Amino acid sequence: CVIGAGPSGMSTLGMFNKLRDQGEECEVTCFEKQEVPGGLWNLTWKTGTDEFGEPVHCSQYRDLFSNGPKECLEFPEYTFLDHFGKNIPACPPREVLIDYLRGYWKFNGVKKEDILTKHTVRNVSFDEKTATFTVKVANLEKGVDFEQEFDRLIVASGHFSVPHV
């Protein structure tokens, strides 16, 4: 189970795809509260709470530029040069970064249907006897809550949100 489909969660899904390509058996479920993957790199003007009453965590503003050089942000197996086919400025703007990230996820075979969007995790518990995690999830669009068990759990909800798990 992967909680969150921002840069870390999506990259994790890409690594699981690579493991499958190498013959490993792994089944992964990814839950994402937002409508689209991308985490805080998605641009939204929403503040406060969303249409489901959920807190809206921060987003980057439209004209934000990275405060770090692209060489510190890129993935070694998929560079900015690979993605854009030319050199770009050292500190790219938000829209360039999200475009690059989406290209990286596509490069790793991650598709939108791999992520359960508009699903928020309400609680996680660990059972020491069975060594499993029980994840309580709300399907925001359908207004349905459910539980699912997993043998592994990755929390990739980002450091700009307060986990309520």
C-alpha atoms as a PDB file:
ATOM      1  CA  CYS A   1       0.000   0.000   0.000  1.00  0.00           C
ATOM      2  CA  VAL A   2       1.245   3.465  -0.905  1.00  0.00           C
ATOM      3  CA  ILE A   3      -0.423   6.479   0.691  1.00  0.00           C
ATOM      4  CA  GLY A   4      -0.012   9.562  -1.482  1.00  0.00           C
ATOM      5  CA  ALA A   5       0.608  10.055  -5.203  1.00  0.00           C
ATOM      6  CA  GLY A   6       2.923  13.034  -5.162  1.00  0.00           C
ATOM      7  CA  PRO A   7       6.510  12.846  -6.412  1.00  0.00           C
ATOM      8  CA  SER A   8       7.557  10.248  -3.811  1.00  0.00           C
ATOM      9  CA  GLY A   9       4.488   8.032  -4.075  1.00  0.00           C
ATOM     10  CA  MET A  10       4.463   8.086  -7.867  1.00  0.00           C
ATOM     11  CA  SER A  11       8.180   7.328  -8.028  1.00  0.00           C
ATOM     12  CA  THR A  12       7.607   4.428  -5.643  1.00  0.00           C
ATOM     13  CA  LEU A  13       4.951   3.061  -8.011  1.00  0.00           C
ATOM     14  CA  GLY A  14       7.512   3.340 -10.813  1.00  0.00           C
ATOM     15  CA  MET A  15      10.022   1.312  -8.808  1.00  0.00           C
ATOM     16  CA  PHE A  16       7.407  -1.400  -8.239  1.00  0.00           C
ATOM     17  CA  ASN A  17       6.869  -1.494 -12.016  1.00  0.00           C
ATOM     18  CA  LYS A  18      10.611  -2.049 -12.461  1.00  0.00           C
ATOM     19  CA  LEU A  19      10.491  -4.914  -9.945  1.00  0.00           C
ATOM     20  CA  ARG A  20       7.621  -6.500 -11.895  1.00  0.00           C
ATOM     21  CA  ASP A  21       9.656  -6.157 -15.093  1.00  0.00           C
ATOM     22  CA  GLN A  22      12.431  -8.104 -13.325  1.00  0.00           C
ATOM     23  CA  GLY A  23      10.002 -10.922 -12.501  1.00  0.00           C
ATOM     24  CA  GLU A  24       9.087  -9.958  -8.939  1.00  0.00           C
ATOM     25  CA  GLU A  25       5.495 -10.465  -7.892  1.00  0.00           C
ATOM     26  CA  CYS A  26       4.069  -7.402  -6.236  1.00  0.00           C
ATOM     27  CA  GLU A  27       0.583  -6.022  -6.055  1.00  0.00           C
ATOM     28  CA  VAL A  28       0.339  -2.363  -5.074  1.00  0.00           C
ATOM     29  CA  THR A  29      -2.588  -0.141  -4.175  1.00  0.00           C
ATOM     30  CA  CYS A  30      -2.067   3.618  -4.078  1.00  0.00           C
ATOM     31  CA  PHE A  31      -4.495   5.998  -2.375  1.00  0.00           C
ATOM     32  CA  GLU A  32      -4.472   9.717  -3.249  1.00  0.00           C
ATOM     33  CA  LYS A  33      -6.795  12.355  -1.787  1.00  0.00           C
ATOM     34  CA  GLN A  34      -6.514  14.766  -4.709  1.00  0.00           C
ATOM     35  CA  GLU A  35      -8.226  14.400  -8.065  1.00  0.00           C
ATOM     36  CA  VAL A  36      -4.916  14.030  -9.923  1.00  0.00           C
ATOM     37  CA  PRO A  37      -1.465  12.770  -8.909  1.00  0.00           C
ATOM     38  CA  GLY A  38       1.325  15.280  -8.379  1.00  0.00           C
ATOM     39  CA  GLY A  39       1.040  16.381  -4.781  1.00  0.00           C
ATOM     40  CA  LEU A  40       1.905  19.963  -4.006  1.00  0.00           C
ATOM     41  CA  TRP A  41       3.162  20.528  -7.567  1.00  0.00           C
ATOM     42  CA  ASN A  42      -0.461  20.535  -8.728  1.00  0.00           C
ATOM     43  CA  LEU A  43      -1.790  24.045  -9.061  1.00  0.00           C
ATOM     44  CA  THR A  44      -5.027  24.708  -7.209  1.00  0.00           C
ATOM     45  CA  TRP A  45      -6.712  27.876  -6.041  1.00  0.00           C
ATOM     46  CA  LYS A  46      -8.649  25.947  -3.418  1.00  0.00           C
ATOM     47  CA  THR A  47      -8.038  26.817   0.209  1.00  0.00           C
ATOM     48  CA  GLY A  48      -9.638  25.719   3.446  1.00  0.00           C
ATOM     49  CA  THR A  49     -11.701  22.656   2.622  1.00  0.00           C
ATOM     50  CA  ASP A  50     -12.564  20.962  -0.662  1.00  0.00           C
ATOM     51  CA  GLU A  51     -15.975  19.887  -1.994  1.00  0.00           C
ATOM     52  CA  PHE A  52     -15.846  16.806   0.276  1.00  0.00           C
ATOM     53  CA  GLY A  53     -15.066  18.808   3.432  1.00  0.00           C
ATOM     54  CA  GLU A  54     -11.453  17.613   3.444  1.00  0.00           C
ATOM     55  CA  PRO A  55      -8.624  20.036   4.314  1.00  0.00           C
ATOM     56  CA  VAL A  56      -6.850  21.401   1.246  1.00  0.00           C
ATOM     57  CA  HIS A  57      -3.121  21.173   1.772  1.00  0.00           C
ATOM     58  CA  CYS A  58      -0.795  23.683   0.221  1.00  0.00           C
ATOM     59  CA  SER A  59      -0.160  23.972  -3.465  1.00  0.00           C
ATOM     60  CA  GLN A  60       2.541  25.818  -5.303  1.00  0.00           C
ATOM     61  CA  TYR A  61       1.549  29.172  -6.712  1.00  0.00           C
ATOM     62  CA  ARG A  62       1.416  29.552 -10.476  1.00  0.00           C
ATOM     63  CA  ASP A  63       4.676  31.447 -11.022  1.00  0.00           C
ATOM     64  CA  LEU A  64       6.821  29.612  -8.471  1.00  0.00           C
ATOM     65  CA  PHE A  65      10.352  28.663  -9.484  1.00  0.00           C
ATOM     66  CA  SER A  66      12.334  25.890  -7.840  1.00  0.00           C
ATOM     67  CA  ASN A  67      14.734  27.142  -5.193  1.00  0.00           C
ATOM     68  CA  GLY A  68      17.149  24.332  -6.016  1.00  0.00           C
ATOM     69  CA  PRO A  69      19.051  23.537  -9.185  1.00  0.00           C
ATOM     70  CA  LYS A  70      17.496  20.997 -11.518  1.00  0.00           C
ATOM     71  CA  GLU A  71      20.563  18.761 -11.179  1.00  0.00           C
ATOM     72  CA  CYS A  72      19.565  18.155  -7.542  1.00  0.00           C
ATOM     73  CA  LEU A  73      15.953  17.395  -8.517  1.00  0.00           C
ATOM     74  CA  GLU A  74      16.287  15.102 -11.509  1.00  0.00           C
ATOM     75  CA  PHE A  75      16.336  11.335 -11.525  1.00  0.00           C
ATOM     76  CA  PRO A  76      19.601   9.838 -12.811  1.00  0.00           C
ATOM     77  CA  GLU A  77      17.849   7.441 -15.177  1.00  0.00           C
ATOM     78  CA  TYR A  78      15.615  10.206 -16.620  1.00  0.00           C
ATOM     79  CA  THR A  79      17.216  13.641 -16.780  1.00  0.00           C
ATOM     80  CA  PHE A  80      15.701  16.989 -17.721  1.00  0.00           C
ATOM     81  CA  LEU A  81      17.718  16.740 -20.943  1.00  0.00           C
ATOM     82  CA  ASP A  82      16.132  13.331 -21.628  1.00  0.00           C
ATOM     83  CA  HIS A  83      12.672  14.772 -21.082  1.00  0.00           C
ATOM     84  CA  PHE A  84      12.918  18.107 -22.882  1.00  0.00           C
ATOM     85  CA  GLY A  85      15.577  17.226 -25.455  1.00  0.00           C
ATOM     86  CA  LYS A  86      17.526  20.391 -24.656  1.00  0.00           C
ATOM     87  CA  ASN A  87      19.137  22.173 -21.743  1.00  0.00           C
ATOM     88  CA  ILE A  88      16.842  24.219 -19.527  1.00  0.00           C
ATOM     89  CA  PRO A  89      17.571  26.917 -16.902  1.00  0.00           C
ATOM     90  CA  ALA A  90      19.027  25.843 -13.575  1.00  0.00           C
ATOM     91  CA  CYS A  91      15.948  26.635 -11.439  1.00  0.00           C
ATOM     92  CA  PRO A  92      12.859  25.617 -13.436  1.00  0.00           C
ATOM     93  CA  PRO A  93       9.350  26.949 -12.810  1.00  0.00           C
ATOM     94  CA  ARG A  94       6.573  24.853 -11.257  1.00  0.00           C
ATOM     95  CA  GLU A  95       4.906  23.969 -14.572  1.00  0.00           C
ATOM     96  CA  VAL A  96       8.211  22.686 -15.983  1.00  0.00           C
ATOM     97  CA  LEU A  97       8.780  20.536 -12.880  1.00  0.00           C
ATOM     98  CA  ILE A  98       5.311  18.959 -12.953  1.00  0.00           C
ATOM     99  CA  ASP A  99       5.705  18.287 -16.687  1.00  0.00           C
ATOM    100  CA  TYR A 100       9.059  16.620 -16.022  1.00  0.00           C
ATOM    101  CA  LEU A 101       7.599  14.550 -13.156  1.00  0.00           C
ATOM    102  CA  ARG A 102       4.683  13.390 -15.313  1.00  0.00           C
ATOM    103  CA  GLY A 103       7.191  12.399 -18.006  1.00  0.00           C
ATOM    104  CA  TYR A 104       9.229  10.448 -15.459  1.00  0.00           C
ATOM    105  CA  TRP A 105       6.146   8.600 -14.233  1.00  0.00           C
ATOM    106  CA  LYS A 106       5.195   7.758 -17.823  1.00  0.00           C
ATOM    107  CA  PHE A 107       8.807   6.628 -18.430  1.00  0.00           C
ATOM    108  CA  ASN A 108       8.342   4.212 -15.505  1.00  0.00           C
ATOM    109  CA  GLY A 109       4.987   2.956 -16.780  1.00  0.00           C
ATOM    110  CA  VAL A 110       2.845   4.543 -14.070  1.00  0.00           C
ATOM    111  CA  LYS A 111      -0.659   5.266 -15.314  1.00  0.00           C
ATOM    112  CA  LYS A 112      -3.479   7.303 -13.773  1.00  0.00           C
ATOM    113  CA  GLU A 113      -5.517   4.121 -13.343  1.00  0.00           C
ATOM    114  CA  ASP A 114      -2.784   2.787 -11.008  1.00  0.00           C
ATOM    115  CA  ILE A 115      -3.920   5.330  -8.397  1.00  0.00           C
ATOM    116  CA  LEU A 116      -7.189   5.462  -6.524  1.00  0.00           C
ATOM    117  CA  THR A 117      -7.743   9.221  -6.585  1.00  0.00           C
ATOM    118  CA  LYS A 118     -10.289  10.979  -4.368  1.00  0.00           C
ATOM    119  CA  HIS A 119      -9.517   8.371  -1.696  1.00  0.00           C
ATOM    120  CA  THR A 120      -8.287   9.541   1.676  1.00  0.00           C
ATOM    121  CA  VAL A 121      -6.770   7.319   4.333  1.00  0.00           C
ATOM    122  CA  ARG A 122      -8.479   7.795   7.687  1.00  0.00           C
ATOM    123  CA  ASN A 123      -6.489   5.409   9.844  1.00  0.00           C
ATOM    124  CA  VAL A 124      -3.792   2.747   9.762  1.00  0.00           C
ATOM    125  CA  SER A 125      -3.282   0.057  12.368  1.00  0.00           C
ATOM    126  CA  PHE A 126      -0.719  -2.717  12.582  1.00  0.00           C
ATOM    127  CA  ASP A 127      -1.520  -6.188  13.887  1.00  0.00           C
ATOM    128  CA  GLU A 128       1.621  -7.727  15.347  1.00  0.00           C
ATOM    129  CA  LYS A 129       0.112 -11.244  15.343  1.00  0.00           C
ATOM    130  CA  THR A 130      -0.595 -11.288  11.605  1.00  0.00           C
ATOM    131  CA  ALA A 131       2.074  -8.704  10.657  1.00  0.00           C
ATOM    132  CA  THR A 132      -0.461  -6.838   8.520  1.00  0.00           C
ATOM    133  CA  PHE A 133      -1.598  -3.253   8.227  1.00  0.00           C
ATOM    134  CA  THR A 134      -5.302  -2.441   8.200  1.00  0.00           C
ATOM    135  CA  VAL A 135      -5.912   0.732   6.220  1.00  0.00           C
ATOM    136  CA  LYS A 136      -9.225   2.557   6.650  1.00  0.00           C
ATOM    137  CA  VAL A 137     -10.051   4.531   3.526  1.00  0.00           C
ATOM    138  CA  ALA A 138     -12.814   6.916   2.475  1.00  0.00           C
ATOM    139  CA  ASN A 139     -13.830   6.947  -1.182  1.00  0.00           C
ATOM    140  CA  LEU A 140     -14.680  10.644  -1.242  1.00  0.00           C
ATOM    141  CA  GLU A 141     -16.560  10.611  -4.517  1.00  0.00           C
ATOM    142  CA  LYS A 142     -18.879   7.744  -3.571  1.00  0.00           C
ATOM    143  CA  GLY A 143     -19.097   8.600   0.132  1.00  0.00           C
ATOM    144  CA  VAL A 144     -18.130   5.040   1.077  1.00  0.00           C
ATOM    145  CA  ASP A 145     -15.648   3.960   3.748  1.00  0.00           C
ATOM    146  CA  PHE A 146     -13.845   0.619   3.605  1.00  0.00           C
ATOM    147  CA  GLU A 147     -10.911  -1.268   5.115  1.00  0.00           C
ATOM    148  CA  GLN A 148      -8.193  -3.171   3.330  1.00  0.00           C
ATOM    149  CA  GLU A 149      -5.293  -5.249   4.668  1.00  0.00           C
ATOM    150  CA  PHE A 150      -1.717  -5.018   3.404  1.00  0.00           C
ATOM    151  CA  ASP A 151       1.541  -6.719   4.322  1.00  0.00           C
ATOM    152  CA  ARG A 152       3.590  -3.573   3.593  1.00  0.00           C
ATOM    153  CA  LEU A 153       2.899   0.153   3.871  1.00  0.00           C
ATOM    154  CA  ILE A 154       4.633   3.230   2.483  1.00  0.00           C
ATOM    155  CA  VAL A 155       3.458   6.638   3.682  1.00  0.00           C
ATOM    156  CA  ALA A 156       4.317   9.144   0.959  1.00  0.00           C
ATOM    157  CA  SER A 157       1.921  11.911   1.892  1.00  0.00           C
ATOM    158  CA  GLY A 158       4.658  14.536   1.882  1.00  0.00           C
ATOM    159  CA  HIS A 159       6.196  16.771   4.472  1.00  0.00           C
ATOM    160  CA  PHE A 160       3.841  19.677   3.785  1.00  0.00           C
ATOM    161  CA  SER A 161       0.829  17.926   5.247  1.00  0.00           C
ATOM    162  CA  VAL A 162      -0.023  16.793   8.725  1.00  0.00           C
ATOM    163  CA  PRO A 163      -0.696  13.064   8.671  1.00  0.00           C
ATOM    164  CA  HIS A 164      -3.933  12.099  10.321  1.00  0.00           C
ATOM    165  CA  VAL A 165      -3.206   8.382  10.076  1.00  0.00           C
END
